[in-house]
Amino acid sequence: MKILKIENGKGYFCIANNGDWIQIDNIDKDCLMKLLNIFLESDVEVDGYDEERIQNQAQQIIYKSVFEKFSNLKENKNKFKDESDRMYLSAIQKYQQ
């Protein structure tokens, strides 16, 4: 699933399977959390950051920031997921019963 793309001079993100793309400058905390969960639970694709392809400066800044965070997290994805699982293991076990 693709979660970040650049198209027609604008940056977009997608948090739904229905393919609805939202301009990156409309992202909020809840959307970021949904993107993070999708990123951690699935194999995702993102368009690389390219300043020249995004015309709006605010979108450039936001897209670059989100892209860089996901790039860094990708390098440590397994470690992060294992640490998160360990941190919440007792709660997960408690509510699975």
PDB file of N, CA and C in Angstrom:
ATOM      1  N   MET A   1       0.844  -1.174   0.000  1.00  0.00           N
ATOM      2  CA  MET A   1       0.000   0.000   0.000  1.00  0.00           C
ATOM      3  C   MET A   1       0.888   1.234   0.000  1.00  0.00           C
ATOM      4  N   LYS A   2       0.546   2.179  -0.804  1.00  0.00           N
ATOM      5  CA  LYS A   2       1.287   3.430  -0.866  1.00  0.00           C
ATOM      6  C   LYS A   2       0.656   4.418   0.112  1.00  0.00           C
ATOM      7  N   ILE A   3       1.489   5.056   0.963  1.00  0.00           N
ATOM      8  CA  ILE A   3       0.947   5.976   1.960  1.00  0.00           C
ATOM      9  C   ILE A   3       1.384   7.422   1.745  1.00  0.00           C
ATOM     10  N   LEU A   4       2.439   7.645   0.977  1.00  0.00           N
ATOM     11  CA  LEU A   4       2.893   9.005   0.664  1.00  0.00           C
ATOM     12  C   LEU A   4       3.182   9.092  -0.824  1.00  0.00           C
ATOM     13  N   LYS A   5       2.680  10.155  -1.448  1.00  0.00           N
ATOM     14  CA  LYS A   5       2.985  10.327  -2.872  1.00  0.00           C
ATOM     15  C   LYS A   5       3.080  11.816  -3.200  1.00  0.00           C
ATOM     16  N   ILE A   6       3.781  12.072  -4.301  1.00  0.00           N
ATOM     17  CA  ILE A   6       3.864  13.413  -4.864  1.00  0.00           C
ATOM     18  C   ILE A   6       3.248  13.334  -6.251  1.00  0.00           C
ATOM     19  N   GLU A   7       2.281  14.232  -6.491  1.00  0.00           N
ATOM     20  CA  GLU A   7       1.591  14.203  -7.768  1.00  0.00           C
ATOM     21  C   GLU A   7       1.089  15.609  -8.091  1.00  0.00           C
ATOM     22  N   ASN A   8       1.273  16.009  -9.324  1.00  0.00           N
ATOM     23  CA  ASN A   8       0.806  17.320  -9.791  1.00  0.00           C
ATOM     24  C   ASN A   8       1.283  18.476  -8.912  1.00  0.00           C
ATOM     25  N   GLY A   9       2.520  18.391  -8.447  1.00  0.00           N
ATOM     26  CA  GLY A   9       3.113  19.470  -7.667  1.00  0.00           C
ATOM     27  C   GLY A   9       2.676  19.523  -6.220  1.00  0.00           C
ATOM     28  N   LYS A  10       2.011  18.476  -5.736  1.00  0.00           N
ATOM     29  CA  LYS A  10       1.522  18.463  -4.360  1.00  0.00           C
ATOM     30  C   LYS A  10       1.892  17.159  -3.675  1.00  0.00           C
ATOM     31  N   GLY A  11       2.034  17.223  -2.351  1.00  0.00           N
ATOM     32  CA  GLY A  11       2.292  16.041  -1.542  1.00  0.00           C
ATOM     33  C   GLY A  11       0.999  15.532  -0.941  1.00  0.00           C
ATOM     34  N   TYR A  12       0.855  14.213  -0.897  1.00  0.00           N
ATOM     35  CA  TYR A  12      -0.363  13.582  -0.391  1.00  0.00           C
ATOM     36  C   TYR A  12      -0.026  12.437   0.548  1.00  0.00           C
ATOM     37  N   PHE A  13      -0.999  12.111   1.422  1.00  0.00           N
ATOM     38  CA  PHE A  13      -0.900  10.909   2.240  1.00  0.00           C
ATOM     39  C   PHE A  13      -2.222  10.162   2.151  1.00  0.00           C
ATOM     40  N   CYS A  14      -2.175   8.865   2.457  1.00  0.00           N
ATOM     41  CA  CYS A  14      -3.373   8.019   2.389  1.00  0.00           C
ATOM     42  C   CYS A  14      -3.404   7.121   3.614  1.00  0.00           C
ATOM     43  N   ILE A  15      -4.526   7.139   4.329  1.00  0.00           N
ATOM     44  CA  ILE A  15      -4.671   6.290   5.512  1.00  0.00           C
ATOM     45  C   ILE A  15      -5.823   5.301   5.366  1.00  0.00           C
ATOM     46  N   ALA A  16      -6.452   5.297   4.203  1.00  0.00           N
ATOM     47  CA  ALA A  16      -7.599   4.417   3.984  1.00  0.00           C
ATOM     48  C   ALA A  16      -7.348   3.510   2.788  1.00  0.00           C
ATOM     49  N   ASN A  17      -7.887   2.320   2.854  1.00  0.00           N
ATOM     50  CA  ASN A  17      -7.738   1.369   1.755  1.00  0.00           C
ATOM     51  C   ASN A  17      -8.528   1.764   0.519  1.00  0.00           C
ATOM     52  N   ASN A  18      -9.435   2.722   0.667  1.00  0.00           N
ATOM     53  CA  ASN A  18     -10.260   3.122  -0.471  1.00  0.00           C
ATOM     54  C   ASN A  18      -9.521   4.052  -1.436  1.00  0.00           C
ATOM     55  N   GLY A  19      -8.292   4.406  -1.102  1.00  0.00           N
ATOM     56  CA  GLY A  19      -7.483   5.200  -2.017  1.00  0.00           C
ATOM     57  C   GLY A  19      -7.743   6.688  -1.979  1.00  0.00           C
ATOM     58  N   ASP A  20      -8.407   7.179  -0.935  1.00  0.00           N
ATOM     59  CA  ASP A  20      -8.620   8.615  -0.804  1.00  0.00           C
ATOM     60  C   ASP A  20      -7.319   9.285  -0.362  1.00  0.00           C
ATOM     61  N   TRP A  21      -6.813  10.164  -1.205  1.00  0.00           N
ATOM     62  CA  TRP A  21      -5.573  10.869  -0.925  1.00  0.00           C
ATOM     63  C   TRP A  21      -5.890  12.254  -0.368  1.00  0.00           C
ATOM     64  N   ILE A  22      -5.161  12.641   0.677  1.00  0.00           N
ATOM     65  CA  ILE A  22      -5.355  13.920   1.351  1.00  0.00           C
ATOM     66  C   ILE A  22      -4.062  14.718   1.228  1.00  0.00           C
ATOM     67  N   GLN A  23      -4.186  16.015   0.948  1.00  0.00           N
ATOM     68  CA  GLN A  23      -2.990  16.841   0.834  1.00  0.00           C
ATOM     69  C   GLN A  23      -2.242  16.852   2.166  1.00  0.00           C
ATOM     70  N   ILE A  24      -0.939  16.745   2.085  1.00  0.00           N
ATOM     71  CA  ILE A  24      -0.082  16.563   3.253  1.00  0.00           C
ATOM     72  C   ILE A  24      -0.191  17.707   4.258  1.00  0.00           C
ATOM     73  N   ASP A  25      -0.543  18.907   3.805  1.00  0.00           N
ATOM     74  CA  ASP A  25      -0.644  20.013   4.757  1.00  0.00           C
ATOM     75  C   ASP A  25      -1.939  19.951   5.575  1.00  0.00           C
ATOM     76  N   ASN A  26      -2.788  18.958   5.339  1.00  0.00           N
ATOM     77  CA  ASN A  26      -3.994  18.737   6.142  1.00  0.00           C
ATOM     78  C   ASN A  26      -3.807  17.638   7.174  1.00  0.00           C
ATOM     79  N   ILE A  27      -2.584  17.167   7.335  1.00  0.00           N
ATOM     80  CA  ILE A  27      -2.309  16.073   8.268  1.00  0.00           C
ATOM     81  C   ILE A  27      -2.423  16.592   9.703  1.00  0.00           C
ATOM     82  N   ASP A  28      -2.931  15.741  10.583  1.00  0.00           N
ATOM     83  CA  ASP A  28      -3.015  16.081  12.004  1.00  0.00           C
ATOM     84  C   ASP A  28      -2.461  14.913  12.826  1.00  0.00           C
ATOM     85  N   LYS A  29      -2.523  15.057  14.137  1.00  0.00           N
ATOM     86  CA  LYS A  29      -1.954  14.046  15.024  1.00  0.00           C
ATOM     87  C   LYS A  29      -2.601  12.673  14.817  1.00  0.00           C
ATOM     88  N   ASP A  30      -3.914  12.640  14.678  1.00  0.00           N
ATOM     89  CA  ASP A  30      -4.600  11.360  14.483  1.00  0.00           C
ATOM     90  C   ASP A  30      -4.185  10.685  13.174  1.00  0.00           C
ATOM     91  N   CYS A  31      -4.065  11.479  12.127  1.00  0.00           N
ATOM     92  CA  CYS A  31      -3.628  10.931  10.839  1.00  0.00           C
ATOM     93  C   CYS A  31      -2.205  10.398  10.924  1.00  0.00           C
ATOM     94  N   LEU A  32      -1.346  11.119  11.630  1.00  0.00           N
ATOM     95  CA  LEU A  32       0.037  10.652  11.801  1.00  0.00           C
ATOM     96  C   LEU A  32       0.067   9.314  12.531  1.00  0.00           C
ATOM     97  N   MET A  33      -0.769   9.178  13.560  1.00  0.00           N
ATOM     98  CA  MET A  33      -0.808   7.913  14.293  1.00  0.00           C
ATOM     99  C   MET A  33      -1.313   6.779  13.394  1.00  0.00           C
ATOM    100  N   LYS A  34      -2.309   7.055  12.583  1.00  0.00           N
ATOM    101  CA  LYS A  34      -2.815   6.037  11.656  1.00  0.00           C
ATOM    102  C   LYS A  34      -1.748   5.650  10.638  1.00  0.00           C
ATOM    103  N   LEU A  35      -1.038   6.658  10.108  1.00  0.00           N
ATOM    104  CA  LEU A  35       0.055   6.374   9.168  1.00  0.00           C
ATOM    105  C   LEU A  35       1.134   5.520   9.826  1.00  0.00           C
ATOM    106  N   LEU A  36       1.461   5.853  11.067  1.00  0.00           N
ATOM    107  CA  LEU A  36       2.478   5.098  11.793  1.00  0.00           C
ATOM    108  C   LEU A  36       2.042   3.648  11.978  1.00  0.00           C
ATOM    109  N   ASN A  37       0.801   3.439  12.355  1.00  0.00           N
ATOM    110  CA  ASN A  37       0.302   2.067  12.524  1.00  0.00           C
ATOM    111  C   ASN A  37       0.327   1.298  11.213  1.00  0.00           C
ATOM    112  N   ILE A  38      -0.100   1.943  10.138  1.00  0.00           N
ATOM    113  CA  ILE A  38      -0.058   1.289   8.824  1.00  0.00           C
ATOM    114  C   ILE A  38       1.378   0.948   8.469  1.00  0.00           C
ATOM    115  N   PHE A  39       2.284   1.882   8.700  1.00  0.00           N
ATOM    116  CA  PHE A  39       3.691   1.689   8.391  1.00  0.00           C
ATOM    117  C   PHE A  39       4.269   0.503   9.158  1.00  0.00           C
ATOM    118  N   LEU A  40       3.928   0.397  10.443  1.00  0.00           N
ATOM    119  CA  LEU A  40       4.483  -0.670  11.270  1.00  0.00           C
ATOM    120  C   LEU A  40       3.860  -2.035  10.987  1.00  0.00           C
ATOM    121  N   GLU A  41       2.612  -2.048  10.557  1.00  0.00           N
ATOM    122  CA  GLU A  41       1.912  -3.314  10.377  1.00  0.00           C
ATOM    123  C   GLU A  41       1.948  -3.846   8.950  1.00  0.00           C
ATOM    124  N   SER A  42       2.353  -3.040   7.986  1.00  0.00           N
ATOM    125  CA  SER A  42       2.272  -3.444   6.586  1.00  0.00           C
ATOM    126  C   SER A  42       3.549  -3.076   5.841  1.00  0.00           C
ATOM    127  N   ASP A  43       3.671  -3.664   4.672  1.00  0.00           N
ATOM    128  CA  ASP A  43       4.703  -3.213   3.749  1.00  0.00           C
ATOM    129  C   ASP A  43       4.107  -2.050   2.975  1.00  0.00           C
ATOM    130  N   VAL A  44       4.746  -0.904   3.069  1.00  0.00           N
ATOM    131  CA  VAL A  44       4.203   0.297   2.444  1.00  0.00           C
ATOM    132  C   VAL A  44       5.210   0.886   1.460  1.00  0.00           C
ATOM    133  N   GLU A  45       4.682   1.719   0.584  1.00  0.00           N
ATOM    134  CA  GLU A  45       5.505   2.444  -0.367  1.00  0.00           C
ATOM    135  C   GLU A  45       5.330   3.932  -0.119  1.00  0.00           C
ATOM    136  N   VAL A  46       6.388   4.673  -0.375  1.00  0.00           N
ATOM    137  CA  VAL A  46       6.329   6.129  -0.298  1.00  0.00           C
ATOM    138  C   VAL A  46       7.144   6.701  -1.447  1.00  0.00           C
ATOM    139  N   ASP A  47       6.690   7.818  -1.986  1.00  0.00           N
ATOM    140  CA  ASP A  47       7.503   8.538  -2.965  1.00  0.00           C
ATOM    141  C   ASP A  47       8.598   9.274  -2.211  1.00  0.00           C
ATOM    142  N   GLY A  48       9.810   9.203  -2.720  1.00  0.00           N
ATOM    143  CA  GLY A  48      10.912   9.910  -2.102  1.00  0.00           C
ATOM    144  C   GLY A  48      10.700  11.411  -2.141  1.00  0.00           C
ATOM    145  N   TYR A  49      11.275  12.095  -1.163  1.00  0.00           N
ATOM    146  CA  TYR A  49      11.133  13.541  -1.103  1.00  0.00           C
ATOM    147  C   TYR A  49      11.932  14.186  -2.230  1.00  0.00           C
ATOM    148  N   ASP A  50      11.303  15.101  -2.935  1.00  0.00           N
ATOM    149  CA  ASP A  50      11.950  15.858  -3.999  1.00  0.00           C
ATOM    150  C   ASP A  50      11.385  17.275  -3.964  1.00  0.00           C
ATOM    151  N   GLU A  51      12.184  18.178  -3.469  1.00  0.00           N
ATOM    152  CA  GLU A  51      11.762  19.570  -3.282  1.00  0.00           C
ATOM    153  C   GLU A  51      11.204  20.185  -4.561  1.00  0.00           C
ATOM    154  N   GLU A  52      11.777  19.832  -5.690  1.00  0.00           N
ATOM    155  CA  GLU A  52      11.364  20.421  -6.964  1.00  0.00           C
ATOM    156  C   GLU A  52      10.002  19.918  -7.429  1.00  0.00           C
ATOM    157  N   ARG A  53       9.571  18.773  -6.933  1.00  0.00           N
ATOM    158  CA  ARG A  53       8.279  18.216  -7.361  1.00  0.00           C
ATOM    159  C   ARG A  53       7.108  18.745  -6.549  1.00  0.00           C
ATOM    160  N   ILE A  54       7.379  19.349  -5.378  1.00  0.00           N
ATOM    161  CA  ILE A  54       6.315  19.916  -4.545  1.00  0.00           C
ATOM    162  C   ILE A  54       6.421  21.432  -4.623  1.00  0.00           C
ATOM    163  N   GLN A  55       5.365  22.075  -5.081  1.00  0.00           N
ATOM    164  CA  GLN A  55       5.406  23.510  -5.320  1.00  0.00           C
ATOM    165  C   GLN A  55       5.150  24.340  -4.064  1.00  0.00           C
ATOM    166  N   ASN A  56       4.294  23.879  -3.185  1.00  0.00           N
ATOM    167  CA  ASN A  56       3.931  24.612  -1.984  1.00  0.00           C
ATOM    168  C   ASN A  56       4.994  24.409  -0.906  1.00  0.00           C
ATOM    169  N   GLN A  57       5.528  25.504  -0.374  1.00  0.00           N
ATOM    170  CA  GLN A  57       6.625  25.407   0.581  1.00  0.00           C
ATOM    171  C   GLN A  57       6.192  24.719   1.888  1.00  0.00           C
ATOM    172  N   ALA A  58       4.981  24.987   2.356  1.00  0.00           N
ATOM    173  CA  ALA A  58       4.499  24.329   3.571  1.00  0.00           C
ATOM    174  C   ALA A  58       4.418  22.817   3.357  1.00  0.00           C
ATOM    175  N   GLN A  59       3.924  22.410   2.193  1.00  0.00           N
ATOM    176  CA  GLN A  59       3.855  20.985   1.890  1.00  0.00           C
ATOM    177  C   GLN A  59       5.255  20.381   1.787  1.00  0.00           C
ATOM    178  N   GLN A  60       6.208  21.139   1.258  1.00  0.00           N
ATOM    179  CA  GLN A  60       7.584  20.650   1.180  1.00  0.00           C
ATOM    180  C   GLN A  60       8.109  20.312   2.570  1.00  0.00           C
ATOM    181  N   ILE A  61       7.915  21.228   3.497  1.00  0.00           N
ATOM    182  CA  ILE A  61       8.419  21.054   4.860  1.00  0.00           C
ATOM    183  C   ILE A  61       7.760  19.856   5.532  1.00  0.00           C
ATOM    184  N   ILE A  62       6.451  19.765   5.440  1.00  0.00           N
ATOM    185  CA  ILE A  62       5.718  18.678   6.095  1.00  0.00           C
ATOM    186  C   ILE A  62       6.059  17.336   5.468  1.00  0.00           C
ATOM    187  N   TYR A  63       6.037  17.278   4.132  1.00  0.00           N
ATOM    188  CA  TYR A  63       6.334  16.018   3.439  1.00  0.00           C
ATOM    189  C   TYR A  63       7.747  15.552   3.778  1.00  0.00           C
ATOM    190  N   LYS A  64       8.696  16.476   3.737  1.00  0.00           N
ATOM    191  CA  LYS A  64      10.090  16.129   4.035  1.00  0.00           C
ATOM    192  C   LYS A  64      10.211  15.567   5.446  1.00  0.00           C
ATOM    193  N   SER A  65       9.559  16.210   6.399  1.00  0.00           N
ATOM    194  CA  SER A  65       9.629  15.764   7.788  1.00  0.00           C
ATOM    195  C   SER A  65       9.043  14.366   7.958  1.00  0.00           C
ATOM    196  N   VAL A  66       7.857  14.141   7.413  1.00  0.00           N
ATOM    197  CA  VAL A  66       7.213  12.826   7.530  1.00  0.00           C
ATOM    198  C   VAL A  66       8.045  11.771   6.809  1.00  0.00           C
ATOM    199  N   PHE A  67       8.510  12.086   5.613  1.00  0.00           N
ATOM    200  CA  PHE A  67       9.322  11.148   4.846  1.00  0.00           C
ATOM    201  C   PHE A  67      10.600  10.765   5.609  1.00  0.00           C
ATOM    202  N   GLU A  68      11.283  11.748   6.169  1.00  0.00           N
ATOM    203  CA  GLU A  68      12.519  11.462   6.901  1.00  0.00           C
ATOM    204  C   GLU A  68      12.257  10.623   8.144  1.00  0.00           C
ATOM    205  N   LYS A  69      11.177  10.909   8.858  1.00  0.00           N
ATOM    206  CA  LYS A  69      10.847  10.115  10.054  1.00  0.00           C
ATOM    207  C   LYS A  69      10.575   8.663   9.673  1.00  0.00           C
ATOM    208  N   PHE A  70       9.818   8.450   8.604  1.00  0.00           N
ATOM    209  CA  PHE A  70       9.538   7.084   8.174  1.00  0.00           C
ATOM    210  C   PHE A  70      10.798   6.400   7.649  1.00  0.00           C
ATOM    211  N   SER A  71      11.660   7.147   6.988  1.00  0.00           N
ATOM    212  CA  SER A  71      12.914   6.561   6.499  1.00  0.00           C
ATOM    213  C   SER A  71      13.771   6.094   7.657  1.00  0.00           C
ATOM    214  N   ASN A  72      13.875   6.922   8.707  1.00  0.00           N
ATOM    215  CA  ASN A  72      14.648   6.533   9.889  1.00  0.00           C
ATOM    216  C   ASN A  72      14.004   5.347  10.594  1.00  0.00           C
ATOM    217  N   LEU A  73      12.694   5.374  10.686  1.00  0.00           N
ATOM    218  CA  LEU A  73      11.985   4.284  11.353  1.00  0.00           C
ATOM    219  C   LEU A  73      12.111   2.982  10.560  1.00  0.00           C
ATOM    220  N   LYS A  74      12.134   3.081   9.251  1.00  0.00           N
ATOM    221  CA  LYS A  74      12.260   1.878   8.414  1.00  0.00           C
ATOM    222  C   LYS A  74      13.545   1.132   8.732  1.00  0.00           C
ATOM    223  N   GLU A  75      14.607   1.889   8.972  1.00  0.00           N
ATOM    224  CA  GLU A  75      15.889   1.273   9.301  1.00  0.00           C
ATOM    225  C   GLU A  75      15.822   0.520  10.621  1.00  0.00           C
ATOM    226  N   ASN A  76      14.956   0.960  11.521  1.00  0.00           N
ATOM    227  CA  ASN A  76      14.857   0.349  12.847  1.00  0.00           C
ATOM    228  C   ASN A  76      13.484  -0.259  13.102  1.00  0.00           C
ATOM    229  N   LYS A  77      12.744  -0.563  12.047  1.00  0.00           N
ATOM    230  CA  LYS A  77      11.355  -1.014  12.161  1.00  0.00           C
ATOM    231  C   LYS A  77      11.219  -2.254  13.035  1.00  0.00           C
ATOM    232  N   ASN A  78      12.020  -3.262  12.785  1.00  0.00           N
ATOM    233  CA  ASN A  78      11.913  -4.500  13.557  1.00  0.00           C
ATOM    234  C   ASN A  78      12.251  -4.273  15.024  1.00  0.00           C
ATOM    235  N   LYS A  79      13.278  -3.510  15.278  1.00  0.00           N
ATOM    236  CA  LYS A  79      13.673  -3.215  16.652  1.00  0.00           C
ATOM    237  C   LYS A  79      12.555  -2.456  17.367  1.00  0.00           C
ATOM    238  N   PHE A  80      11.995  -1.449  16.712  1.00  0.00           N
ATOM    239  CA  PHE A  80      10.913  -0.663  17.293  1.00  0.00           C
ATOM    240  C   PHE A  80       9.698  -1.532  17.585  1.00  0.00           C
ATOM    241  N   LYS A  81       9.334  -2.385  16.638  1.00  0.00           N
ATOM    242  CA  LYS A  81       8.158  -3.255  16.809  1.00  0.00           C
ATOM    243  C   LYS A  81       8.382  -4.228  17.959  1.00  0.00           C
ATOM    244  N   ASP A  82       9.565  -4.822  18.060  1.00  0.00           N
ATOM    245  CA  ASP A  82       9.868  -5.743  19.151  1.00  0.00           C
ATOM    246  C   ASP A  82       9.804  -5.038  20.502  1.00  0.00           C
ATOM    247  N   GLU A  83      10.368  -3.838  20.588  1.00  0.00           N
ATOM    248  CA  GLU A  83      10.341  -3.082  21.842  1.00  0.00           C
ATOM    249  C   GLU A  83       8.915  -2.712  22.225  1.00  0.00           C
ATOM    250  N   SER A  84       8.112  -2.324  21.255  1.00  0.00           N
ATOM    251  CA  SER A  84       6.714  -1.977  21.522  1.00  0.00           C
ATOM    252  C   SER A  84       5.944  -3.199  22.001  1.00  0.00           C
ATOM    253  N   ASP A  85       6.167  -4.327  21.342  1.00  0.00           N
ATOM    254  CA  ASP A  85       5.489  -5.561  21.747  1.00  0.00           C
ATOM    255  C   ASP A  85       5.858  -5.955  23.169  1.00  0.00           C
ATOM    256  N   ARG A  86       7.132  -5.846  23.516  1.00  0.00           N
ATOM    257  CA  ARG A  86       7.576  -6.175  24.871  1.00  0.00           C
ATOM    258  C   ARG A  86       6.970  -5.220  25.891  1.00  0.00           C
ATOM    259  N   MET A  87       6.899  -3.938  25.540  1.00  0.00           N
ATOM    260  CA  MET A  87       6.399  -2.930  26.461  1.00  0.00           C
ATOM    261  C   MET A  87       4.932  -3.181  26.817  1.00  0.00           C
ATOM    262  N   TYR A  88       4.154  -3.627  25.842  1.00  0.00           N
ATOM    263  CA  TYR A  88       2.721  -3.807  26.053  1.00  0.00           C
ATOM    264  C   TYR A  88       2.303  -5.273  26.153  1.00  0.00           C
ATOM    265  N   LEU A  89       3.272  -6.167  26.322  1.00  0.00           N
ATOM    266  CA  LEU A  89       2.995  -7.596  26.347  1.00  0.00           C
ATOM    267  C   LEU A  89       1.999  -7.971  27.446  1.00  0.00           C
ATOM    268  N   SER A  90       2.181  -7.462  28.659  1.00  0.00           N
ATOM    269  CA  SER A  90       1.272  -7.827  29.740  1.00  0.00           C
ATOM    270  C   SER A  90      -0.152  -7.353  29.469  1.00  0.00           C
ATOM    271  N   ALA A  91      -0.313  -6.164  28.930  1.00  0.00           N
ATOM    272  CA  ALA A  91      -1.655  -5.654  28.608  1.00  0.00           C
ATOM    273  C   ALA A  91      -2.286  -6.473  27.495  1.00  0.00           C
ATOM    274  N   ILE A  92      -1.495  -6.823  26.500  1.00  0.00           N
ATOM    275  CA  ILE A  92      -2.009  -7.629  25.375  1.00  0.00           C
ATOM    276  C   ILE A  92      -2.463  -8.991  25.878  1.00  0.00           C
ATOM    277  N   GLN A  93      -1.652  -9.614  26.716  1.00  0.00           N
ATOM    278  CA  GLN A  93      -2.001 -10.939  27.256  1.00  0.00           C
ATOM    279  C   GLN A  93      -3.240 -10.861  28.136  1.00  0.00           C
ATOM    280  N   LYS A  94      -3.354  -9.800  28.912  1.00  0.00           N
ATOM    281  CA  LYS A  94      -4.494  -9.636  29.818  1.00  0.00           C
ATOM    282  C   LYS A  94      -5.807  -9.550  29.027  1.00  0.00           C
ATOM    283  N   TYR A  95      -5.822  -8.790  27.955  1.00  0.00           N
ATOM    284  CA  TYR A  95      -7.058  -8.568  27.227  1.00  0.00           C
ATOM    285  C   TYR A  95      -7.341  -9.601  26.134  1.00  0.00           C
ATOM    286  N   GLN A  96      -6.397 -10.489  25.872  1.00  0.00           N
ATOM    287  CA  GLN A  96      -6.650 -11.553  24.909  1.00  0.00           C
ATOM    288  C   GLN A  96      -7.372 -12.727  25.556  1.00  0.00           C
ATOM    289  N   GLN A  97      -7.402 -12.773  26.857  1.00  0.00           N
ATOM    290  CA  GLN A  97      -8.023 -13.902  27.555  1.00  0.00           C
ATOM    291  C   GLN A  97      -9.511 -13.709  27.687  1.00  0.00           C
TER     292      GLN A  97
END
